[in-house]
PDB file of N, CA and C in Angstrom:
ATOM      1  N   MET A   1      64.295  13.242  33.295  1.00  0.00           N
ATOM      2  CA  MET A   1      64.345  12.845  32.201  1.00  0.00           C
ATOM      3  C   MET A   1      63.545  13.709  31.052  1.00  0.00           C
ATOM      4  N   PRO A   2      64.549  14.247  30.054  1.00  0.00           N
ATOM      5  CA  PRO A   2      63.888  15.436  29.301  1.00  0.00           C
ATOM      6  C   PRO A   2      63.065  14.173  28.452  1.00  0.00           C
ATOM      7  N   ASN A   3      62.040  14.946  27.595  1.00  0.00           N
ATOM      8  CA  ASN A   3      61.294  14.256  26.446  1.00  0.00           C
ATOM      9  C   ASN A   3      62.209  14.462  25.117  1.00  0.00           C
ATOM     10  N   LYS A   4      61.987  13.342  24.087  1.00  0.00           N
ATOM     11  CA  LYS A   4      63.071  13.222  23.380  1.00  0.00           C
ATOM     12  C   LYS A   4      61.804  12.818  22.064  1.00  0.00           C
ATOM     13  N   LEU A   5      62.784  13.272  20.908  1.00  0.00           N
ATOM     14  CA  LEU A   5      61.612  12.932  19.956  1.00  0.00           C
ATOM     15  C   LEU A   5      62.224  11.501  19.440  1.00  0.00           C
ATOM     16  N   VAL A   6      60.940  11.012  18.470  1.00  0.00           N
ATOM     17  CA  VAL A   6      61.548   9.193  18.204  1.00  0.00           C
ATOM     18  C   VAL A   6      60.558   9.606  16.974  1.00  0.00           C
ATOM     19  N   THR A   7      61.053   8.373  16.333  1.00  0.00           N
ATOM     20  CA  THR A   7      60.792   8.433  14.745  1.00  0.00           C
ATOM     21  C   THR A   7      59.475   7.233  14.915  1.00  0.00           C
ATOM     22  N   VAL A   8      58.166   7.755  14.801  1.00  0.00           N
ATOM     23  CA  VAL A   8      56.831   6.775  14.706  1.00  0.00           C
ATOM     24  C   VAL A   8      56.614   6.009  13.244  1.00  0.00           C
ATOM     25  N   ALA A   9      57.266   6.768  12.192  1.00  0.00           N
ATOM     26  CA  ALA A   9      56.702   5.941  10.639  1.00  0.00           C
ATOM     27  C   ALA A   9      58.125   6.272   9.871  1.00  0.00           C
ATOM     28  N   LYS A  10      58.129   5.619   8.980  1.00  0.00           N
ATOM     29  CA  LYS A  10      59.034   6.407   7.704  1.00  0.00           C
ATOM     30  C   LYS A  10      57.925   6.127   6.434  1.00  0.00           C
ATOM     31  N   TYR A  11      58.259   7.121   5.405  1.00  0.00           N
ATOM     32  CA  TYR A  11      57.748   7.072   4.039  1.00  0.00           C
ATOM     33  C   TYR A  11      58.675   7.645   2.745  1.00  0.00           C
ATOM     34  N   PHE A  12      58.328   6.997   1.963  1.00  0.00           N
ATOM     35  CA  PHE A  12      59.335   7.063   0.495  1.00  0.00           C
ATOM     36  C   PHE A  12      58.666   8.227  -0.147  1.00  0.00           C
ATOM     37  N   GLU A  13      57.184   8.441   0.234  1.00  0.00           N
ATOM     38  CA  GLU A  13      56.540   9.540  -0.492  1.00  0.00           C
ATOM     39  C   GLU A  13      56.231  10.903   0.384  1.00  0.00           C
ATOM     40  N   MET A  14      56.320  12.005   0.202  1.00  0.00           N
ATOM     41  CA  MET A  14      56.329  13.018   0.599  1.00  0.00           C
ATOM     42  C   MET A  14      54.710  12.962   1.053  1.00  0.00           C
ATOM     43  N   SER A  15      53.944  12.959  -0.131  1.00  0.00           N
ATOM     44  CA  SER A  15      52.580  13.073   0.506  1.00  0.00           C
ATOM     45  C   SER A  15      51.811  11.886   1.350  1.00  0.00           C
ATOM     46  N   SER A  16      52.728  11.039   1.722  1.00  0.00           N
ATOM     47  CA  SER A  16      52.001   9.704   2.737  1.00  0.00           C
ATOM     48  C   SER A  16      52.531  10.204   4.067  1.00  0.00           C
ATOM     49  N   ALA A  17      53.643  10.726   3.671  1.00  0.00           N
ATOM     50  CA  ALA A  17      54.375  11.959   5.044  1.00  0.00           C
ATOM     51  C   ALA A  17      53.614  12.824   5.511  1.00  0.00           C
ATOM     52  N   LEU A  18      53.317  13.253   4.506  1.00  0.00           N
ATOM     53  CA  LEU A  18      52.309  14.600   4.586  1.00  0.00           C
ATOM     54  C   LEU A  18      50.950  14.361   5.303  1.00  0.00           C
ATOM     55  N   ALA A  19      50.119  13.432   4.813  1.00  0.00           N
ATOM     56  CA  ALA A  19      48.999  12.944   4.986  1.00  0.00           C
ATOM     57  C   ALA A  19      48.994  12.423   6.547  1.00  0.00           C
ATOM     58  N   ALA A  20      50.045  11.815   6.692  1.00  0.00           N
ATOM     59  CA  ALA A  20      50.218  10.575   8.294  1.00  0.00           C
ATOM     60  C   ALA A  20      50.240  12.150   9.484  1.00  0.00           C
ATOM     61  N   ARG A  21      51.122  13.196   8.850  1.00  0.00           N
ATOM     62  CA  ARG A  21      51.648  14.385   9.770  1.00  0.00           C
ATOM     63  C   ARG A  21      49.864  15.045  10.359  1.00  0.00           C
ATOM     64  N   ILE A  22      49.331  15.077   9.131  1.00  0.00           N
ATOM     65  CA  ILE A  22      48.059  15.847   9.420  1.00  0.00           C
ATOM     66  C   ILE A  22      46.897  15.025  10.121  1.00  0.00           C
ATOM     67  N   LYS A  23      47.164  14.011   9.983  1.00  0.00           N
ATOM     68  CA  LYS A  23      46.063  13.194  10.400  1.00  0.00           C
ATOM     69  C   LYS A  23      46.626  13.337  12.125  1.00  0.00           C
ATOM     70  N   LEU A  24      47.708  12.943  12.461  1.00  0.00           N
ATOM     71  CA  LEU A  24      48.254  12.802  13.888  1.00  0.00           C
ATOM     72  C   LEU A  24      48.096  14.339  14.347  1.00  0.00           C
ATOM     73  N   GLU A  25      48.139  15.354  13.490  1.00  0.00           N
ATOM     74  CA  GLU A  25      47.883  16.923  13.863  1.00  0.00           C
ATOM     75  C   GLU A  25      46.262  17.040  14.348  1.00  0.00           C
ATOM     76  N   SER A  26      45.654  16.499  13.640  1.00  0.00           N
ATOM     77  CA  SER A  26      44.234  16.608  13.747  1.00  0.00           C
ATOM     78  C   SER A  26      43.723  15.946  14.800  1.00  0.00           C
ATOM     79  N   GLN A  27      44.323  15.236  15.798  1.00  0.00           N
ATOM     80  CA  GLN A  27      44.239  14.211  16.487  1.00  0.00           C
ATOM     81  C   GLN A  27      44.698  14.955  18.125  1.00  0.00           C
ATOM     82  N   GLY A  28      45.622  15.726  17.823  1.00  0.00           N
ATOM     83  CA  GLY A  28      46.009  16.455  18.761  1.00  0.00           C
ATOM     84  C   GLY A  28      47.475  16.095  19.158  1.00  0.00           C
ATOM     85  N   VAL A  29      48.165  15.348  18.643  1.00  0.00           N
ATOM     86  CA  VAL A  29      49.392  14.664  18.210  1.00  0.00           C
ATOM     87  C   VAL A  29      50.605  15.363  17.399  1.00  0.00           C
ATOM     88  N   GLY A  30      51.389  16.458  18.565  1.00  0.00           N
ATOM     89  CA  GLY A  30      52.192  17.309  17.710  1.00  0.00           C
ATOM     90  C   GLY A  30      53.653  16.436  17.077  1.00  0.00           C
ATOM     91  N   CYS A  31      53.630  16.730  15.734  1.00  0.00           N
ATOM     92  CA  CYS A  31      54.672  15.908  14.970  1.00  0.00           C
ATOM     93  C   CYS A  31      55.379  17.096  14.305  1.00  0.00           C
ATOM     94  N   PHE A  32      56.248  16.313  13.566  1.00  0.00           N
ATOM     95  CA  PHE A  32      56.970  17.178  12.492  1.00  0.00           C
ATOM     96  C   PHE A  32      57.698  16.473  11.626  1.00  0.00           C
ATOM     97  N   ILE A  33      58.158  16.187  10.202  1.00  0.00           N
ATOM     98  CA  ILE A  33      59.189  15.689   9.186  1.00  0.00           C
ATOM     99  C   ILE A  33      60.495  15.942   9.450  1.00  0.00           C
ATOM    100  N   ALA A  34      61.087  15.323   9.803  1.00  0.00           N
ATOM    101  CA  ALA A  34      62.682  15.670  10.344  1.00  0.00           C
ATOM    102  C   ALA A  34      63.152  15.452   8.573  1.00  0.00           C
ATOM    103  N   ASP A  35      64.138  16.746   8.751  1.00  0.00           N
ATOM    104  CA  ASP A  35      64.824  17.168   7.383  1.00  0.00           C
ATOM    105  C   ASP A  35      63.961  17.287   6.543  1.00  0.00           C
ATOM    106  N   GLU A  36      62.609  17.822   6.728  1.00  0.00           N
ATOM    107  CA  GLU A  36      61.863  18.057   5.628  1.00  0.00           C
ATOM    108  C   GLU A  36      62.184  18.354   4.251  1.00  0.00           C
ATOM    109  N   GLN A  37      62.734  19.681   3.977  1.00  0.00           N
ATOM    110  CA  GLN A  37      63.262  19.928   2.704  1.00  0.00           C
ATOM    111  C   GLN A  37      64.242  19.097   2.230  1.00  0.00           C
ATOM    112  N   LEU A  38      65.134  18.801   2.782  1.00  0.00           N
ATOM    113  CA  LEU A  38      66.104  17.296   2.090  1.00  0.00           C
ATOM    114  C   LEU A  38      65.201  16.486   2.054  1.00  0.00           C
ATOM    115  N   ALA A  39      64.535  15.450   2.750  1.00  0.00           N
ATOM    116  CA  ALA A  39      63.521  14.588   2.648  1.00  0.00           C
ATOM    117  C   ALA A  39      62.661  14.670   1.204  1.00  0.00           C
ATOM    118  N   ALA A  40      62.377  15.934   0.980  1.00  0.00           N
ATOM    119  CA  ALA A  40      61.587  15.799  -0.225  1.00  0.00           C
ATOM    120  C   ALA A  40      61.978  15.542  -1.378  1.00  0.00           C
ATOM    121  N   SER A  41      63.124  16.188  -1.432  1.00  0.00           N
ATOM    122  CA  SER A  41      64.219  15.403  -2.544  1.00  0.00           C
ATOM    123  C   SER A  41      65.058  14.680  -2.793  1.00  0.00           C
ATOM    124  N   PHE A  42      65.085  14.065  -1.850  1.00  0.00           N
ATOM    125  CA  PHE A  42      66.118  12.751  -1.658  1.00  0.00           C
ATOM    126  C   PHE A  42      65.936  11.975  -0.546  1.00  0.00           C
ATOM    127  N   PRO A  43      64.555  11.181  -0.705  1.00  0.00           N
ATOM    128  CA  PRO A  43      63.918  10.461   0.476  1.00  0.00           C
ATOM    129  C   PRO A  43      64.765   9.400   0.466  1.00  0.00           C
ATOM    130  N   PHE A  44      65.118   8.618  -0.476  1.00  0.00           N
ATOM    131  CA  PHE A  44      66.097   7.583  -0.291  1.00  0.00           C
ATOM    132  C   PHE A  44      67.306   7.373   0.265  1.00  0.00           C
ATOM    133  N   ALA A  45      67.773   8.786  -0.024  1.00  0.00           N
ATOM    134  CA  ALA A  45      69.369   8.951   0.513  1.00  0.00           C
ATOM    135  C   ALA A  45      69.135   9.044   2.063  1.00  0.00           C
ATOM    136  N   LEU A  46      67.943   9.263   2.731  1.00  0.00           N
ATOM    137  CA  LEU A  46      68.039   9.618   4.245  1.00  0.00           C
ATOM    138  C   LEU A  46      67.058   8.370   5.015  1.00  0.00           C
ATOM    139  N   GLY A  47      67.066   7.101   4.022  1.00  0.00           N
ATOM    140  CA  GLY A  47      66.445   6.024   4.520  1.00  0.00           C
ATOM    141  C   GLY A  47      65.115   6.129   4.562  1.00  0.00           C
ATOM    142  N   GLY A  48      64.416   7.109   4.091  1.00  0.00           N
ATOM    143  CA  GLY A  48      63.151   7.439   4.198  1.00  0.00           C
ATOM    144  C   GLY A  48      62.934   8.915   4.886  1.00  0.00           C
ATOM    145  N   ILE A  49      61.486   9.139   4.611  1.00  0.00           N
ATOM    146  CA  ILE A  49      60.942  10.254   5.542  1.00  0.00           C
ATOM    147  C   ILE A  49      60.615  10.110   6.959  1.00  0.00           C
ATOM    148  N   ARG A  50      61.112  10.333   7.939  1.00  0.00           N
ATOM    149  CA  ARG A  50      61.025  10.069   9.056  1.00  0.00           C
ATOM    150  C   ARG A  50      59.763  11.213   9.991  1.00  0.00           C
ATOM    151  N   LEU A  51      58.686  10.412  10.267  1.00  0.00           N
ATOM    152  CA  LEU A  51      57.427  11.437  11.222  1.00  0.00           C
ATOM    153  C   LEU A  51      58.029  11.393  12.439  1.00  0.00           C
ATOM    154  N   GLN A  52      58.472  12.284  13.231  1.00  0.00           N
ATOM    155  CA  GLN A  52      58.714  11.926  14.640  1.00  0.00           C
ATOM    156  C   GLN A  52      57.611  12.988  15.465  1.00  0.00           C
ATOM    157  N   VAL A  53      57.703  12.080  16.738  1.00  0.00           N
ATOM    158  CA  VAL A  53      56.904  12.793  17.780  1.00  0.00           C
ATOM    159  C   VAL A  53      57.640  12.889  18.659  1.00  0.00           C
ATOM    160  N   TRP A  54      57.193  13.496  20.131  1.00  0.00           N
ATOM    161  CA  TRP A  54      57.672  13.662  21.323  1.00  0.00           C
ATOM    162  C   TRP A  54      57.409  12.090  21.968  1.00  0.00           C
ATOM    163  N   GLU A  55      58.279  11.499  22.170  1.00  0.00           N
ATOM    164  CA  GLU A  55      58.460  10.180  23.174  1.00  0.00           C
ATOM    165  C   GLU A  55      57.264  10.146  24.081  1.00  0.00           C
ATOM    166  N   SER A  56      56.732  11.214  24.730  1.00  0.00           N
ATOM    167  CA  SER A  56      55.616  10.786  25.579  1.00  0.00           C
ATOM    168  C   SER A  56      54.428  10.715  24.478  1.00  0.00           C
ATOM    169  N   ASP A  57      54.473  11.066  23.254  1.00  0.00           N
ATOM    170  CA  ASP A  57      53.208  10.872  22.237  1.00  0.00           C
ATOM    171  C   ASP A  57      52.989  10.001  21.739  1.00  0.00           C
ATOM    172  N   ALA A  58      54.418   8.865  21.542  1.00  0.00           N
ATOM    173  CA  ALA A  58      54.524   7.988  20.787  1.00  0.00           C
ATOM    174  C   ALA A  58      53.731   6.711  20.494  1.00  0.00           C
ATOM    175  N   GLU A  59      53.510   6.321  21.711  1.00  0.00           N
ATOM    176  CA  GLU A  59      52.355   5.324  21.922  1.00  0.00           C
ATOM    177  C   GLU A  59      51.055   5.940  21.211  1.00  0.00           C
ATOM    178  N   LYS A  60      50.592   6.753  21.340  1.00  0.00           N
ATOM    179  CA  LYS A  60      49.080   7.175  20.937  1.00  0.00           C
ATOM    180  C   LYS A  60      49.200   7.715  19.432  1.00  0.00           C
ATOM    181  N   ALA A  61      50.552   8.260  19.031  1.00  0.00           N
ATOM    182  CA  ALA A  61      50.666   8.356  17.503  1.00  0.00           C
ATOM    183  C   ALA A  61      50.679   6.961  16.685  1.00  0.00           C
ATOM    184  N   GLU A  62      51.560   5.980  17.378  1.00  0.00           N
ATOM    185  CA  GLU A  62      51.519   4.584  16.285  1.00  0.00           C
ATOM    186  C   GLU A  62      49.897   3.987  16.409  1.00  0.00           C
ATOM    187  N   GLU A  63      49.462   3.886  17.500  1.00  0.00           N
ATOM    188  CA  GLU A  63      47.823   4.059  17.326  1.00  0.00           C
ATOM    189  C   GLU A  63      46.740   4.496  16.227  1.00  0.00           C
ATOM    190  N   ILE A  64      47.161   5.535  16.672  1.00  0.00           N
ATOM    191  CA  ILE A  64      46.504   6.486  15.296  1.00  0.00           C
ATOM    192  C   ILE A  64      46.592   6.293  13.949  1.00  0.00           C
ATOM    193  N   LEU A  65      48.344   6.176  13.830  1.00  0.00           N
ATOM    194  CA  LEU A  65      48.295   5.743  12.253  1.00  0.00           C
ATOM    195  C   LEU A  65      48.321   4.464  11.807  1.00  0.00           C
ATOM    196  N   ALA A  66      48.099   3.562  13.119  1.00  0.00           N
ATOM    197  CA  ALA A  66      47.868   1.777  12.620  1.00  0.00           C
ATOM    198  C   ALA A  66      46.340   2.077  12.556  1.00  0.00           C
ATOM    199  N   GLU A  67      45.583   2.872  13.107  1.00  0.00           N
ATOM    200  CA  GLU A  67      44.087   2.709  12.560  1.00  0.00           C
ATOM    201  C   GLU A  67      43.912   3.094  11.385  1.00  0.00           C
ATOM    202  N   SER A  68      44.550   4.219  11.422  1.00  0.00           N
ATOM    203  CA  SER A  68      44.605   5.021   9.353  1.00  0.00           C
ATOM    204  C   SER A  68      44.775   4.197   8.588  1.00  0.00           C
ATOM    205  N   GLU A  69      46.076   3.253   8.725  1.00  0.00           N
ATOM    206  CA  GLU A  69      46.335   2.223   7.959  1.00  0.00           C
ATOM    207  C   GLU A  69      45.477   1.210   7.569  1.00  0.00           C
ATOM    208  N   ALA A  70      44.266   0.674   8.765  1.00  0.00           N
ATOM    209  CA  ALA A  70      43.730  -0.266   8.548  1.00  0.00           C
ATOM    210  C   ALA A  70      42.280   0.323   7.958  1.00  0.00           C
ATOM    211  N   SER A  71      41.950   1.505   8.061  1.00  0.00           N
ATOM    212  CA  SER A  71      40.825   1.632   7.317  1.00  0.00           C
ATOM    213  C   SER A  71      41.158   2.330   6.205  1.00  0.00           C
ATOM    214  N   ALA A  72      42.048   2.473   5.702  1.00  0.00           N
ATOM    215  CA  ALA A  72      42.716   2.825   4.530  1.00  0.00           C
ATOM    216  C   ALA A  72      42.312   1.250   3.601  1.00  0.00           C
ATOM    217  N   GLY A  73      42.978   0.277   4.107  1.00  0.00           N
ATOM    218  CA  GLY A  73      42.924  -1.117   3.458  1.00  0.00           C
ATOM    219  C   GLY A  73      41.573  -1.454   3.294  1.00  0.00           C
ATOM    220  N   VAL A  74      40.512  -1.118   4.342  1.00  0.00           N
ATOM    221  CA  VAL A  74      39.123  -1.503   4.263  1.00  0.00           C
ATOM    222  C   VAL A  74      38.574  -0.968   3.154  1.00  0.00           C
ATOM    223  N   ASP A  75      38.947   0.453   2.787  1.00  0.00           N
ATOM    224  CA  ASP A  75      38.267   1.195   1.774  1.00  0.00           C
ATOM    225  C   ASP A  75      38.739   0.616   0.448  1.00  0.00           C
ATOM    226  N   GLU A  76      40.276   0.271   0.460  1.00  0.00           N
ATOM    227  CA  GLU A  76      40.878   0.094  -0.704  1.00  0.00           C
ATOM    228  C   GLU A  76      40.280  -1.060  -1.233  1.00  0.00           C
ATOM    229  N   ALA A  77      39.927  -2.231  -0.278  1.00  0.00           N
ATOM    230  CA  ALA A  77      39.469  -3.703  -0.724  1.00  0.00           C
ATOM    231  C   ALA A  77      37.674  -3.311  -0.890  1.00  0.00           C
ATOM    232  N   GLU A  78      37.306  -2.237  -0.485  1.00  0.00           N
ATOM    233  CA  GLU A  78      35.825  -2.127  -0.661  1.00  0.00           C
ATOM    234  C   GLU A  78      35.501  -1.542  -2.372  1.00  0.00           C
ATOM    235  N   SER A  79      36.423  -0.513  -2.630  1.00  0.00           N
ATOM    236  CA  SER A  79      36.689  -0.127  -3.765  1.00  0.00           C
ATOM    237  C   SER A  79      37.084  -1.257  -4.951  1.00  0.00           C
ATOM    238  N   ALA A  80      37.888  -1.881  -4.745  1.00  0.00           N
ATOM    239  CA  ALA A  80      38.436  -2.982  -5.654  1.00  0.00           C
ATOM    240  C   ALA A  80      37.346  -4.081  -5.637  1.00  0.00           C
ATOM    241  N   GLY A  81      36.236  -4.229  -4.863  1.00  0.00           N
ATOM    242  CA  GLY A  81      35.022  -5.439  -4.801  1.00  0.00           C
ATOM    243  C   GLY A  81      34.065  -4.756  -5.874  1.00  0.00           C
ATOM    244  N   SER A  82      33.932  -3.546  -5.785  1.00  0.00           N
ATOM    245  CA  SER A  82      33.119  -2.698  -6.479  1.00  0.00           C
ATOM    246  C   SER A  82      33.665  -2.495  -7.841  1.00  0.00           C
ATOM    247  N   GLU A  83      34.818  -2.828  -8.193  1.00  0.00           N
ATOM    248  CA  GLU A  83      35.023  -2.231  -9.738  1.00  0.00           C
ATOM    249  C   GLU A  83      34.792  -3.825 -10.272  1.00  0.00           C
ATOM    250  N   GLU A  84      34.825  -5.030  -9.732  1.00  0.00           N
ATOM    251  CA  GLU A  84      34.349  -6.326 -10.182  1.00  0.00           C
ATOM    252  C   GLU A  84      33.513  -6.352 -10.502  1.00  0.00           C
ATOM    253  N   GLU A  85      32.274  -5.824 -10.071  1.00  0.00           N
ATOM    254  CA  GLU A  85      30.901  -6.048  -9.939  1.00  0.00           C
ATOM    255  C   GLU A  85      30.254  -5.199 -11.569  1.00  0.00           C
TER     256      GLU A  85
END
């Protein structure tokens, strides 16, 4: 069975999609942004900017992105707490 591309995340801001792509690539997961040029101009028309990986890498990619989102949430909470002081 051939390896196919699957969407592991959708974004509505190109900067978020690019950050996720860089994160995955730095962890050795090949990925790309589907319809990148069109998505940059019209992300809502496409239903979001789709970050895609090979099906065999999908589980690893989802784990990396989940860890990244979790650590970003911790960073935001820490900075919000320091603003209150």
